[in-house]
């Protein structure tokens, strides 16, 4: 049996770079995220309120410790402009040890 992953990559989309930047800076400032990458130019196609929608969005790749993941998701729900924001946590099972340790330090996590 493998130990539970100590780190997560969270995926979240935002309507534009301005709002994505604001969210990213807030999450890093609050030590909920170690790093947030903004990936602009995304097209999302999805069903909402019974209709097929298509929107241009910015993808946030959010690195955090597993111990901060729930608080990050809760804070994201408070700050995000969408009624139901995407917030999906993917376990990080491998990575450069120094980088993973930095995530712990940046988020105040203690392994």
PDB file of N, CA and C in Angstrom:
ATOM      1  N   UNK A   1       0.838  -1.184   0.000  1.00  0.00           N
ATOM      2  CA  UNK A   1       0.000   0.000   0.000  1.00  0.00           C
ATOM      3  C   UNK A   1       0.885   1.250   0.000  1.00  0.00           C
ATOM      4  N   UNK A   2       0.534   2.192  -0.843  1.00  0.00           N
ATOM      5  CA  UNK A   2       1.292   3.437  -0.961  1.00  0.00           C
ATOM      6  C   UNK A   2       0.778   4.458   0.050  1.00  0.00           C
ATOM      7  N   UNK A   3       1.669   5.298   0.559  1.00  0.00           N
ATOM      8  CA  UNK A   3       1.208   6.358   1.462  1.00  0.00           C
ATOM      9  C   UNK A   3       0.343   7.360   0.699  1.00  0.00           C
ATOM     10  N   UNK A   4      -0.529   8.039   1.429  1.00  0.00           N
ATOM     11  CA  UNK A   4      -1.380   9.061   0.804  1.00  0.00           C
ATOM     12  C   UNK A   4      -0.500  10.169   0.241  1.00  0.00           C
ATOM     13  N   UNK A   5      -0.826  10.670  -0.953  1.00  0.00           N
ATOM     14  CA  UNK A   5      -0.045  11.771  -1.533  1.00  0.00           C
ATOM     15  C   UNK A   5      -0.037  12.988  -0.612  1.00  0.00           C
ATOM     16  N   UNK A   6       1.120  13.626  -0.499  1.00  0.00           N
ATOM     17  CA  UNK A   6       1.290  14.801   0.359  1.00  0.00           C
ATOM     18  C   UNK A   6       1.014  16.112  -0.369  1.00  0.00           C
ATOM     19  N   UNK A   7       0.811  16.028  -1.691  1.00  0.00           N
ATOM     20  CA  UNK A   7       0.641  17.244  -2.491  1.00  0.00           C
ATOM     21  C   UNK A   7      -0.468  17.045  -3.511  1.00  0.00           C
ATOM     22  N   UNK A   8      -1.087  18.145  -3.892  1.00  0.00           N
ATOM     23  CA  UNK A   8      -2.150  18.120  -4.894  1.00  0.00           C
ATOM     24  C   UNK A   8      -1.899  19.183  -5.963  1.00  0.00           C
ATOM     25  N   UNK A   9      -2.370  18.881  -7.154  1.00  0.00           N
ATOM     26  CA  UNK A   9      -2.473  19.843  -8.244  1.00  0.00           C
ATOM     27  C   UNK A   9      -3.959  20.116  -8.408  1.00  0.00           C
ATOM     28  N   UNK A  10      -4.368  21.356  -8.204  1.00  0.00           N
ATOM     29  CA  UNK A  10      -5.770  21.712  -8.380  1.00  0.00           C
ATOM     30  C   UNK A  10      -5.960  22.380  -9.731  1.00  0.00           C
ATOM     31  N   UNK A  11      -7.041  22.012 -10.388  1.00  0.00           N
ATOM     32  CA  UNK A  11      -7.412  22.602 -11.667  1.00  0.00           C
ATOM     33  C   UNK A  11      -8.615  23.505 -11.441  1.00  0.00           C
ATOM     34  N   UNK A  12      -8.544  24.685 -12.012  1.00  0.00           N
ATOM     35  CA  UNK A  12      -9.631  25.655 -11.885  1.00  0.00           C
ATOM     36  C   UNK A  12      -9.627  26.536 -13.133  1.00  0.00           C
ATOM     37  N   UNK A  13     -10.799  26.846 -13.644  1.00  0.00           N
ATOM     38  CA  UNK A  13     -10.884  27.768 -14.776  1.00  0.00           C
ATOM     39  C   UNK A  13     -11.477  29.100 -14.316  1.00  0.00           C
ATOM     40  N   UNK A  14     -11.057  30.166 -15.000  1.00  0.00           N
ATOM     41  CA  UNK A  14     -11.533  31.526 -14.731  1.00  0.00           C
ATOM     42  C   UNK A  14     -11.952  32.168 -16.049  1.00  0.00           C
ATOM     43  N   UNK A  15     -12.823  33.176 -15.978  1.00  0.00           N
ATOM     44  CA  UNK A  15     -13.320  33.784 -17.209  1.00  0.00           C
ATOM     45  C   UNK A  15     -12.307  34.640 -17.964  1.00  0.00           C
ATOM     46  N   UNK A  16     -11.288  35.176 -17.265  1.00  0.00           N
ATOM     47  CA  UNK A  16     -10.311  36.022 -17.954  1.00  0.00           C
ATOM     48  C   UNK A  16      -9.025  36.115 -17.137  1.00  0.00           C
ATOM     49  N   UNK A  17      -7.984  36.671 -17.753  1.00  0.00           N
ATOM     50  CA  UNK A  17      -6.666  36.756 -17.118  1.00  0.00           C
ATOM     51  C   UNK A  17      -6.704  37.654 -15.882  1.00  0.00           C
ATOM     52  N   UNK A  18      -7.467  38.728 -15.927  1.00  0.00           N
ATOM     53  CA  UNK A  18      -7.533  39.644 -14.784  1.00  0.00           C
ATOM     54  C   UNK A  18      -8.045  38.932 -13.538  1.00  0.00           C
ATOM     55  N   UNK A  19      -9.149  38.224 -13.678  1.00  0.00           N
ATOM     56  CA  UNK A  19      -9.712  37.519 -12.523  1.00  0.00           C
ATOM     57  C   UNK A  19      -8.845  36.332 -12.117  1.00  0.00           C
ATOM     58  N   UNK A  20      -8.245  35.653 -13.093  1.00  0.00           N
ATOM     59  CA  UNK A  20      -7.348  34.536 -12.786  1.00  0.00           C
ATOM     60  C   UNK A  20      -6.137  35.024 -11.995  1.00  0.00           C
ATOM     61  N   UNK A  21      -5.583  36.154 -12.394  1.00  0.00           N
ATOM     62  CA  UNK A  21      -4.430  36.729 -11.694  1.00  0.00           C
ATOM     63  C   UNK A  21      -4.804  37.116 -10.273  1.00  0.00           C
ATOM     64  N   UNK A  22      -5.953  37.736 -10.115  1.00  0.00           N
ATOM     65  CA  UNK A  22      -6.425  38.138  -8.788  1.00  0.00           C
ATOM     66  C   UNK A  22      -6.566  36.918  -7.875  1.00  0.00           C
ATOM     67  N   UNK A  23      -7.187  35.867  -8.378  1.00  0.00           N
ATOM     68  CA  UNK A  23      -7.346  34.641  -7.594  1.00  0.00           C
ATOM     69  C   UNK A  23      -5.998  34.025  -7.244  1.00  0.00           C
ATOM     70  N   UNK A  24      -5.127  33.918  -8.234  1.00  0.00           N
ATOM     71  CA  UNK A  24      -3.814  33.306  -8.023  1.00  0.00           C
ATOM     72  C   UNK A  24      -3.028  34.056  -6.956  1.00  0.00           C
ATOM     73  N   UNK A  25      -2.994  35.365  -7.059  1.00  0.00           N
ATOM     74  CA  UNK A  25      -2.248  36.167  -6.085  1.00  0.00           C
ATOM     75  C   UNK A  25      -2.823  36.020  -4.681  1.00  0.00           C
ATOM     76  N   UNK A  26      -4.135  35.982  -4.570  1.00  0.00           N
ATOM     77  CA  UNK A  26      -4.784  35.839  -3.267  1.00  0.00           C
ATOM     78  C   UNK A  26      -4.453  34.483  -2.642  1.00  0.00           C
ATOM     79  N   UNK A  27      -4.511  33.414  -3.434  1.00  0.00           N
ATOM     80  CA  UNK A  27      -4.241  32.069  -2.912  1.00  0.00           C
ATOM     81  C   UNK A  27      -2.790  31.917  -2.468  1.00  0.00           C
ATOM     82  N   UNK A  28      -1.865  32.509  -3.214  1.00  0.00           N
ATOM     83  CA  UNK A  28      -0.450  32.457  -2.829  1.00  0.00           C
ATOM     84  C   UNK A  28      -0.215  33.340  -1.601  1.00  0.00           C
ATOM     85  N   UNK A  29      -0.808  34.526  -1.587  1.00  0.00           N
ATOM     86  CA  UNK A  29      -0.664  35.437  -0.447  1.00  0.00           C
ATOM     87  C   UNK A  29      -1.134  34.780   0.848  1.00  0.00           C
ATOM     88  N   UNK A  30      -2.226  34.030   0.779  1.00  0.00           N
ATOM     89  CA  UNK A  30      -2.791  33.380   1.961  1.00  0.00           C
ATOM     90  C   UNK A  30      -2.106  32.044   2.283  1.00  0.00           C
ATOM     91  N   UNK A  31      -1.067  31.708   1.541  1.00  0.00           N
ATOM     92  CA  UNK A  31      -0.303  30.464   1.716  1.00  0.00           C
ATOM     93  C   UNK A  31      -1.164  29.214   1.540  1.00  0.00           C
ATOM     94  N   UNK A  32      -2.211  29.338   0.738  1.00  0.00           N
ATOM     95  CA  UNK A  32      -3.014  28.177   0.381  1.00  0.00           C
ATOM     96  C   UNK A  32      -2.413  27.473  -0.826  1.00  0.00           C
ATOM     97  N   UNK A  33      -1.712  28.217  -1.652  1.00  0.00           N
ATOM     98  CA  UNK A  33      -1.045  27.677  -2.839  1.00  0.00           C
ATOM     99  C   UNK A  33       0.419  28.083  -2.813  1.00  0.00           C
ATOM    100  N   UNK A  34       1.272  27.164  -3.252  1.00  0.00           N
ATOM    101  CA  UNK A  34       2.696  27.478  -3.381  1.00  0.00           C
ATOM    102  C   UNK A  34       2.950  28.218  -4.686  1.00  0.00           C
ATOM    103  N   UNK A  35       2.251  27.808  -5.726  1.00  0.00           N
ATOM    104  CA  UNK A  35       2.460  28.358  -7.064  1.00  0.00           C
ATOM    105  C   UNK A  35       1.183  28.174  -7.869  1.00  0.00           C
ATOM    106  N   UNK A  36       0.878  29.147  -8.708  1.00  0.00           N
ATOM    107  CA  UNK A  36      -0.262  29.042  -9.614  1.00  0.00           C
ATOM    108  C   UNK A  36       0.204  29.438 -11.005  1.00  0.00           C
ATOM    109  N   UNK A  37       0.027  28.540 -11.961  1.00  0.00           N
ATOM    110  CA  UNK A  37       0.320  28.841 -13.361  1.00  0.00           C
ATOM    111  C   UNK A  37      -0.977  29.224 -14.053  1.00  0.00           C
ATOM    112  N   UNK A  38      -0.953  30.292 -14.845  1.00  0.00           N
ATOM    113  CA  UNK A  38      -2.102  30.713 -15.634  1.00  0.00           C
ATOM    114  C   UNK A  38      -1.881  30.292 -17.079  1.00  0.00           C
ATOM    115  N   UNK A  39      -2.841  29.542 -17.610  1.00  0.00           N
ATOM    116  CA  UNK A  39      -2.764  29.057 -18.987  1.00  0.00           C
ATOM    117  C   UNK A  39      -3.929  29.681 -19.757  1.00  0.00           C
ATOM    118  N   UNK A  40      -3.675  30.796 -20.471  1.00  0.00           N
ATOM    119  CA  UNK A  40      -4.755  31.451 -21.210  1.00  0.00           C
ATOM    120  C   UNK A  40      -5.048  30.733 -22.532  1.00  0.00           C
ATOM    121  N   UNK A  41      -6.144  31.143 -23.156  1.00  0.00           N
ATOM    122  CA  UNK A  41      -6.465  30.634 -24.486  1.00  0.00           C
ATOM    123  C   UNK A  41      -7.221  29.322 -24.489  1.00  0.00           C
ATOM    124  N   UNK A  42      -7.797  28.955 -23.383  1.00  0.00           N
ATOM    125  CA  UNK A  42      -8.538  27.709 -23.255  1.00  0.00           C
ATOM    126  C   UNK A  42      -9.958  27.914 -23.764  1.00  0.00           C
ATOM    127  N   UNK A  43     -10.493  26.938 -24.475  1.00  0.00           N
ATOM    128  CA  UNK A  43     -11.904  26.950 -24.841  1.00  0.00           C
ATOM    129  C   UNK A  43     -12.586  25.817 -24.098  1.00  0.00           C
ATOM    130  N   UNK A  44     -13.618  26.141 -23.346  1.00  0.00           N
ATOM    131  CA  UNK A  44     -14.374  25.137 -22.598  1.00  0.00           C
ATOM    132  C   UNK A  44     -15.747  24.973 -23.232  1.00  0.00           C
ATOM    133  N   UNK A  45     -16.138  23.725 -23.430  1.00  0.00           N
ATOM    134  CA  UNK A  45     -17.466  23.394 -23.944  1.00  0.00           C
ATOM    135  C   UNK A  45     -18.120  22.516 -22.886  1.00  0.00           C
ATOM    136  N   UNK A  46     -19.301  22.919 -22.437  1.00  0.00           N
ATOM    137  CA  UNK A  46     -19.936  22.225 -21.317  1.00  0.00           C
ATOM    138  C   UNK A  46     -21.451  22.439 -21.351  1.00  0.00           C
ATOM    139  N   UNK A  47     -22.157  21.642 -20.561  1.00  0.00           N
ATOM    140  CA  UNK A  47     -23.603  21.799 -20.441  1.00  0.00           C
ATOM    141  C   UNK A  47     -23.887  22.596 -19.173  1.00  0.00           C
ATOM    142  N   UNK A  48     -24.688  23.659 -19.294  1.00  0.00           N
ATOM    143  CA  UNK A  48     -25.067  24.472 -18.142  1.00  0.00           C
ATOM    144  C   UNK A  48     -26.518  24.905 -18.307  1.00  0.00           C
ATOM    145  N   UNK A  49     -27.322  24.670 -17.302  1.00  0.00           N
ATOM    146  CA  UNK A  49     -28.744  25.039 -17.309  1.00  0.00           C
ATOM    147  C   UNK A  49     -29.458  24.460 -18.531  1.00  0.00           C
ATOM    148  N   UNK A  50     -29.102  23.221 -18.880  1.00  0.00           N
ATOM    149  CA  UNK A  50     -29.765  22.531 -19.978  1.00  0.00           C
ATOM    150  C   UNK A  50     -29.294  22.916 -21.367  1.00  0.00           C
ATOM    151  N   UNK A  51     -28.331  23.796 -21.461  1.00  0.00           N
ATOM    152  CA  UNK A  51     -27.824  24.266 -22.755  1.00  0.00           C
ATOM    153  C   UNK A  51     -26.342  23.936 -22.897  1.00  0.00           C
ATOM    154  N   UNK A  52     -25.896  23.782 -24.143  1.00  0.00           N
ATOM    155  CA  UNK A  52     -24.472  23.613 -24.421  1.00  0.00           C
ATOM    156  C   UNK A  52     -23.853  25.010 -24.496  1.00  0.00           C
ATOM    157  N   UNK A  53     -22.806  25.219 -23.729  1.00  0.00           N
ATOM    158  CA  UNK A  53     -22.134  26.520 -23.688  1.00  0.00           C
ATOM    159  C   UNK A  53     -20.697  26.373 -24.170  1.00  0.00           C
ATOM    160  N   UNK A  54     -20.162  27.445 -24.699  1.00  0.00           N
ATOM    161  CA  UNK A  54     -18.757  27.500 -25.122  1.00  0.00           C
ATOM    162  C   UNK A  54     -18.200  28.838 -24.658  1.00  0.00           C
ATOM    163  N   UNK A  55     -17.084  28.767 -23.914  1.00  0.00           N
ATOM    164  CA  UNK A  55     -16.483  29.985 -23.379  1.00  0.00           C
ATOM    165  C   UNK A  55     -14.969  29.935 -23.492  1.00  0.00           C
ATOM    166  N   UNK A  56     -14.383  31.105 -23.677  1.00  0.00           N
ATOM    167  CA  UNK A  56     -12.936  31.261 -23.587  1.00  0.00           C
ATOM    168  C   UNK A  56     -12.610  31.426 -22.108  1.00  0.00           C
ATOM    169  N   UNK A  57     -11.638  30.660 -21.618  1.00  0.00           N
ATOM    170  CA  UNK A  57     -11.292  30.702 -20.201  1.00  0.00           C
ATOM    171  C   UNK A  57      -9.781  30.642 -20.013  1.00  0.00           C
ATOM    172  N   UNK A  58      -9.371  30.850 -18.772  1.00  0.00           N
ATOM    173  CA  UNK A  58      -7.973  30.727 -18.360  1.00  0.00           C
ATOM    174  C   UNK A  58      -7.914  29.578 -17.364  1.00  0.00           C
ATOM    175  N   UNK A  59      -7.006  28.640 -17.591  1.00  0.00           N
ATOM    176  CA  UNK A  59      -6.839  27.509 -16.683  1.00  0.00           C
ATOM    177  C   UNK A  59      -5.807  27.857 -15.621  1.00  0.00           C
ATOM    178  N   UNK A  60      -6.146  27.613 -14.370  1.00  0.00           N
ATOM    179  CA  UNK A  60      -5.197  27.752 -13.274  1.00  0.00           C
ATOM    180  C   UNK A  60      -4.697  26.364 -12.898  1.00  0.00           C
ATOM    181  N   UNK A  61      -3.377  26.212 -12.832  1.00  0.00           N
ATOM    182  CA  UNK A  61      -2.740  24.999 -12.324  1.00  0.00           C
ATOM    183  C   UNK A  61      -2.178  25.378 -10.958  1.00  0.00           C
ATOM    184  N   UNK A  62      -2.803  24.885  -9.914  1.00  0.00           N
ATOM    185  CA  UNK A  62      -2.506  25.315  -8.547  1.00  0.00           C
ATOM    186  C   UNK A  62      -1.810  24.187  -7.794  1.00  0.00           C
ATOM    187  N   UNK A  63      -0.588  24.461  -7.318  1.00  0.00           N
ATOM    188  CA  UNK A  63       0.149  23.468  -6.543  1.00  0.00           C
ATOM    189  C   UNK A  63       0.004  23.772  -5.062  1.00  0.00           C
ATOM    190  N   UNK A  64      -0.356  22.739  -4.281  1.00  0.00           N
ATOM    191  CA  UNK A  64      -0.546  22.916  -2.848  1.00  0.00           C
ATOM    192  C   UNK A  64      -0.226  21.625  -2.111  1.00  0.00           C
ATOM    193  N   UNK A  65      -0.170  21.721  -0.798  1.00  0.00           N
ATOM    194  CA  UNK A  65       0.007  20.533   0.030  1.00  0.00           C
ATOM    195  C   UNK A  65      -1.364  19.906   0.278  1.00  0.00           C
ATOM    196  N   UNK A  66      -1.387  18.611   0.488  1.00  0.00           N
ATOM    197  CA  UNK A  66      -2.651  17.913   0.734  1.00  0.00           C
ATOM    198  C   UNK A  66      -3.352  18.466   1.970  1.00  0.00           C
ATOM    199  N   UNK A  67      -2.582  18.903   2.950  1.00  0.00           N
ATOM    200  CA  UNK A  67      -3.178  19.430   4.180  1.00  0.00           C
ATOM    201  C   UNK A  67      -3.848  20.785   3.974  1.00  0.00           C
ATOM    202  N   UNK A  68      -3.524  21.476   2.908  1.00  0.00           N
ATOM    203  CA  UNK A  68      -4.112  22.797   2.619  1.00  0.00           C
ATOM    204  C   UNK A  68      -5.175  22.729   1.519  1.00  0.00           C
ATOM    205  N   UNK A  69      -5.313  21.575   0.899  1.00  0.00           N
ATOM    206  CA  UNK A  69      -6.185  21.424  -0.262  1.00  0.00           C
ATOM    207  C   UNK A  69      -7.643  21.785   0.035  1.00  0.00           C
ATOM    208  N   UNK A  70      -8.199  21.268   1.122  1.00  0.00           N
ATOM    209  CA  UNK A  70      -9.606  21.539   1.454  1.00  0.00           C
ATOM    210  C   UNK A  70      -9.825  23.029   1.710  1.00  0.00           C
ATOM    211  N   UNK A  71      -8.934  23.647   2.464  1.00  0.00           N
ATOM    212  CA  UNK A  71      -9.055  25.084   2.742  1.00  0.00           C
ATOM    213  C   UNK A  71      -8.942  25.889   1.451  1.00  0.00           C
ATOM    214  N   UNK A  72      -8.072  25.455   0.544  1.00  0.00           N
ATOM    215  CA  UNK A  72      -7.910  26.136  -0.738  1.00  0.00           C
ATOM    216  C   UNK A  72      -9.204  26.057  -1.546  1.00  0.00           C
ATOM    217  N   UNK A  73      -9.794  24.873  -1.608  1.00  0.00           N
ATOM    218  CA  UNK A  73     -11.045  24.701  -2.360  1.00  0.00           C
ATOM    219  C   UNK A  73     -12.151  25.563  -1.755  1.00  0.00           C
ATOM    220  N   UNK A  74     -12.252  25.576  -0.433  1.00  0.00           N
ATOM    221  CA  UNK A  74     -13.271  26.397   0.225  1.00  0.00           C
ATOM    222  C   UNK A  74     -13.061  27.885  -0.064  1.00  0.00           C
ATOM    223  N   UNK A  75     -11.814  28.333  -0.019  1.00  0.00           N
ATOM    224  CA  UNK A  75     -11.510  29.746  -0.286  1.00  0.00           C
ATOM    225  C   UNK A  75     -11.776  30.090  -1.746  1.00  0.00           C
ATOM    226  N   UNK A  76     -11.440  29.171  -2.630  1.00  0.00           N
ATOM    227  CA  UNK A  76     -11.699  29.358  -4.055  1.00  0.00           C
ATOM    228  C   UNK A  76     -13.193  29.572  -4.294  1.00  0.00           C
ATOM    229  N   UNK A  77     -14.027  28.790  -3.624  1.00  0.00           N
ATOM    230  CA  UNK A  77     -15.479  28.934  -3.767  1.00  0.00           C
ATOM    231  C   UNK A  77     -15.948  30.312  -3.297  1.00  0.00           C
ATOM    232  N   UNK A  78     -15.301  30.861  -2.268  1.00  0.00           N
ATOM    233  CA  UNK A  78     -15.657  32.195  -1.767  1.00  0.00           C
ATOM    234  C   UNK A  78     -15.248  33.310  -2.724  1.00  0.00           C
ATOM    235  N   UNK A  79     -14.063  33.178  -3.313  1.00  0.00           N
ATOM    236  CA  UNK A  79     -13.492  34.253  -4.126  1.00  0.00           C
ATOM    237  C   UNK A  79     -13.897  34.218  -5.597  1.00  0.00           C
ATOM    238  N   UNK A  80     -14.250  33.057  -6.104  1.00  0.00           N
ATOM    239  CA  UNK A  80     -14.432  32.856  -7.543  1.00  0.00           C
ATOM    240  C   UNK A  80     -15.694  33.545  -8.059  1.00  0.00           C
ATOM    241  N   UNK A  81     -15.629  34.128  -9.264  1.00  0.00           N
ATOM    242  CA  UNK A  81     -16.802  34.806  -9.815  1.00  0.00           C
ATOM    243  C   UNK A  81     -17.893  33.851 -10.317  1.00  0.00           C
ATOM    244  N   UNK A  82     -17.560  32.588 -10.582  1.00  0.00           N
ATOM    245  CA  UNK A  82     -18.561  31.642 -11.079  1.00  0.00           C
ATOM    246  C   UNK A  82     -19.447  31.139  -9.941  1.00  0.00           C
ATOM    247  N   UNK A  83     -20.692  30.858 -10.269  1.00  0.00           N
ATOM    248  CA  UNK A  83     -21.628  30.265  -9.311  1.00  0.00           C
ATOM    249  C   UNK A  83     -21.130  28.895  -8.845  1.00  0.00           C
ATOM    250  N   UNK A  84     -20.643  28.100  -9.788  1.00  0.00           N
ATOM    251  CA  UNK A  84     -20.107  26.773  -9.482  1.00  0.00           C
ATOM    252  C   UNK A  84     -18.742  26.646 -10.151  1.00  0.00           C
ATOM    253  N   UNK A  85     -17.688  27.099  -9.487  1.00  0.00           N
ATOM    254  CA  UNK A  85     -16.361  27.042 -10.114  1.00  0.00           C
ATOM    255  C   UNK A  85     -15.816  25.618 -10.179  1.00  0.00           C
ATOM    256  N   UNK A  86     -15.005  25.390 -11.188  1.00  0.00           N
ATOM    257  CA  UNK A  86     -14.279  24.123 -11.278  1.00  0.00           C
ATOM    258  C   UNK A  86     -13.195  24.134 -10.202  1.00  0.00           C
ATOM    259  N   UNK A  87     -13.152  23.084  -9.408  1.00  0.00           N
ATOM    260  CA  UNK A  87     -12.103  22.923  -8.399  1.00  0.00           C
ATOM    261  C   UNK A  87     -11.875  21.425  -8.246  1.00  0.00           C
ATOM    262  N   UNK A  88     -10.877  20.925  -8.950  1.00  0.00           N
ATOM    263  CA  UNK A  88     -10.589  19.492  -8.977  1.00  0.00           C
ATOM    264  C   UNK A  88      -9.177  19.277  -8.463  1.00  0.00           C
ATOM    265  N   UNK A  89      -9.042  18.464  -7.418  1.00  0.00           N
ATOM    266  CA  UNK A  89      -7.726  18.160  -6.849  1.00  0.00           C
ATOM    267  C   UNK A  89      -7.231  16.824  -7.393  1.00  0.00           C
ATOM    268  N   UNK A  90      -6.030  16.850  -7.957  1.00  0.00           N
ATOM    269  CA  UNK A  90      -5.389  15.646  -8.483  1.00  0.00           C
ATOM    270  C   UNK A  90      -4.174  15.355  -7.607  1.00  0.00           C
ATOM    271  N   UNK A  91      -4.085  14.149  -7.036  1.00  0.00           N
ATOM    272  CA  UNK A  91      -2.924  13.830  -6.202  1.00  0.00           C
ATOM    273  C   UNK A  91      -1.629  13.852  -7.012  1.00  0.00           C
ATOM    274  N   UNK A  92      -0.584  14.405  -6.431  1.00  0.00           N
ATOM    275  CA  UNK A  92       0.753  14.357  -7.029  1.00  0.00           C
ATOM    276  C   UNK A  92       1.454  13.162  -6.392  1.00  0.00           C
ATOM    277  N   UNK A  93       1.725  12.145  -7.182  1.00  0.00           N
ATOM    278  CA  UNK A  93       2.310  10.919  -6.636  1.00  0.00           C
ATOM    279  C   UNK A  93       3.824  10.871  -6.750  1.00  0.00           C
ATOM    280  N   UNK A  94       4.399  11.670  -7.622  1.00  0.00           N
ATOM    281  CA  UNK A  94       5.853  11.723  -7.804  1.00  0.00           C
ATOM    282  C   UNK A  94       6.252  13.148  -8.145  1.00  0.00           C
ATOM    283  N   UNK A  95       7.503  13.469  -7.861  1.00  0.00           N
ATOM    284  CA  UNK A  95       8.027  14.779  -8.217  1.00  0.00           C
ATOM    285  C   UNK A  95       9.413  14.958  -7.646  1.00  0.00           C
ATOM    286  N   UNK A  96      10.088  15.989  -8.082  1.00  0.00           N
ATOM    287  CA  UNK A  96      11.411  16.318  -7.570  1.00  0.00           C
ATOM    288  C   UNK A  96      11.280  16.642  -6.081  1.00  0.00           C
ATOM    289  N   UNK A  97      12.031  15.953  -5.240  1.00  0.00           N
ATOM    290  CA  UNK A  97      11.901  16.099  -3.783  1.00  0.00           C
ATOM    291  C   UNK A  97      12.050  17.548  -3.333  1.00  0.00           C
ATOM    292  N   UNK A  98      13.018  18.263  -3.881  1.00  0.00           N
ATOM    293  CA  UNK A  98      13.224  19.658  -3.482  1.00  0.00           C
ATOM    294  C   UNK A  98      12.005  20.518  -3.808  1.00  0.00           C
ATOM    295  N   UNK A  99      11.382  20.271  -4.954  1.00  0.00           N
ATOM    296  CA  UNK A  99      10.193  21.037  -5.334  1.00  0.00           C
ATOM    297  C   UNK A  99       9.032  20.716  -4.401  1.00  0.00           C
ATOM    298  N   UNK A 100       8.822  19.441  -4.125  1.00  0.00           N
ATOM    299  CA  UNK A 100       7.730  19.046  -3.240  1.00  0.00           C
ATOM    300  C   UNK A 100       7.940  19.589  -1.825  1.00  0.00           C
ATOM    301  N   UNK A 101       9.181  19.590  -1.366  1.00  0.00           N
ATOM    302  CA  UNK A 101       9.482  20.175  -0.056  1.00  0.00           C
ATOM    303  C   UNK A 101       9.212  21.680  -0.058  1.00  0.00           C
ATOM    304  N   UNK A 102       9.510  22.341  -1.182  1.00  0.00           N
ATOM    305  CA  UNK A 102       9.225  23.769  -1.313  1.00  0.00           C
ATOM    306  C   UNK A 102       7.719  24.034  -1.220  1.00  0.00           C
ATOM    307  N   UNK A 103       6.908  23.171  -1.824  1.00  0.00           N
ATOM    308  CA  UNK A 103       5.449  23.318  -1.706  1.00  0.00           C
ATOM    309  C   UNK A 103       5.047  23.304  -0.234  1.00  0.00           C
ATOM    310  N   UNK A 104       5.618  22.362   0.526  1.00  0.00           N
ATOM    311  CA  UNK A 104       5.318  22.294   1.965  1.00  0.00           C
ATOM    312  C   UNK A 104       5.695  23.596   2.661  1.00  0.00           C
ATOM    313  N   UNK A 105       6.882  24.091   2.373  1.00  0.00           N
ATOM    314  CA  UNK A 105       7.359  25.324   3.003  1.00  0.00           C
ATOM    315  C   UNK A 105       6.474  26.515   2.625  1.00  0.00           C
ATOM    316  N   UNK A 106       6.147  26.634   1.351  1.00  0.00           N
ATOM    317  CA  UNK A 106       5.369  27.776   0.861  1.00  0.00           C
ATOM    318  C   UNK A 106       3.932  27.785   1.371  1.00  0.00           C
ATOM    319  N   UNK A 107       3.409  26.612   1.720  1.00  0.00           N
ATOM    320  CA  UNK A 107       2.028  26.529   2.205  1.00  0.00           C
ATOM    321  C   UNK A 107       1.951  26.324   3.718  1.00  0.00           C
ATOM    322  N   UNK A 108       3.104  26.324   4.374  1.00  0.00           N
ATOM    323  CA  UNK A 108       3.121  26.143   5.824  1.00  0.00           C
ATOM    324  C   UNK A 108       2.769  24.740   6.265  1.00  0.00           C
ATOM    325  N   UNK A 109       2.884  23.777   5.341  1.00  0.00           N
ATOM    326  CA  UNK A 109       2.568  22.376   5.670  1.00  0.00           C
ATOM    327  C   UNK A 109       3.768  21.725   6.336  1.00  0.00           C
ATOM    328  N   UNK A 110       3.494  20.795   7.190  1.00  0.00           N
ATOM    329  CA  UNK A 110       4.568  20.069   7.867  1.00  0.00           C
ATOM    330  C   UNK A 110       4.374  18.586   7.615  1.00  0.00           C
ATOM    331  N   UNK A 111       5.245  17.993   6.786  1.00  0.00           N
ATOM    332  CA  UNK A 111       5.084  16.567   6.446  1.00  0.00           C
ATOM    333  C   UNK A 111       5.239  15.660   7.654  1.00  0.00           C
TER     334      UNK A 111
END
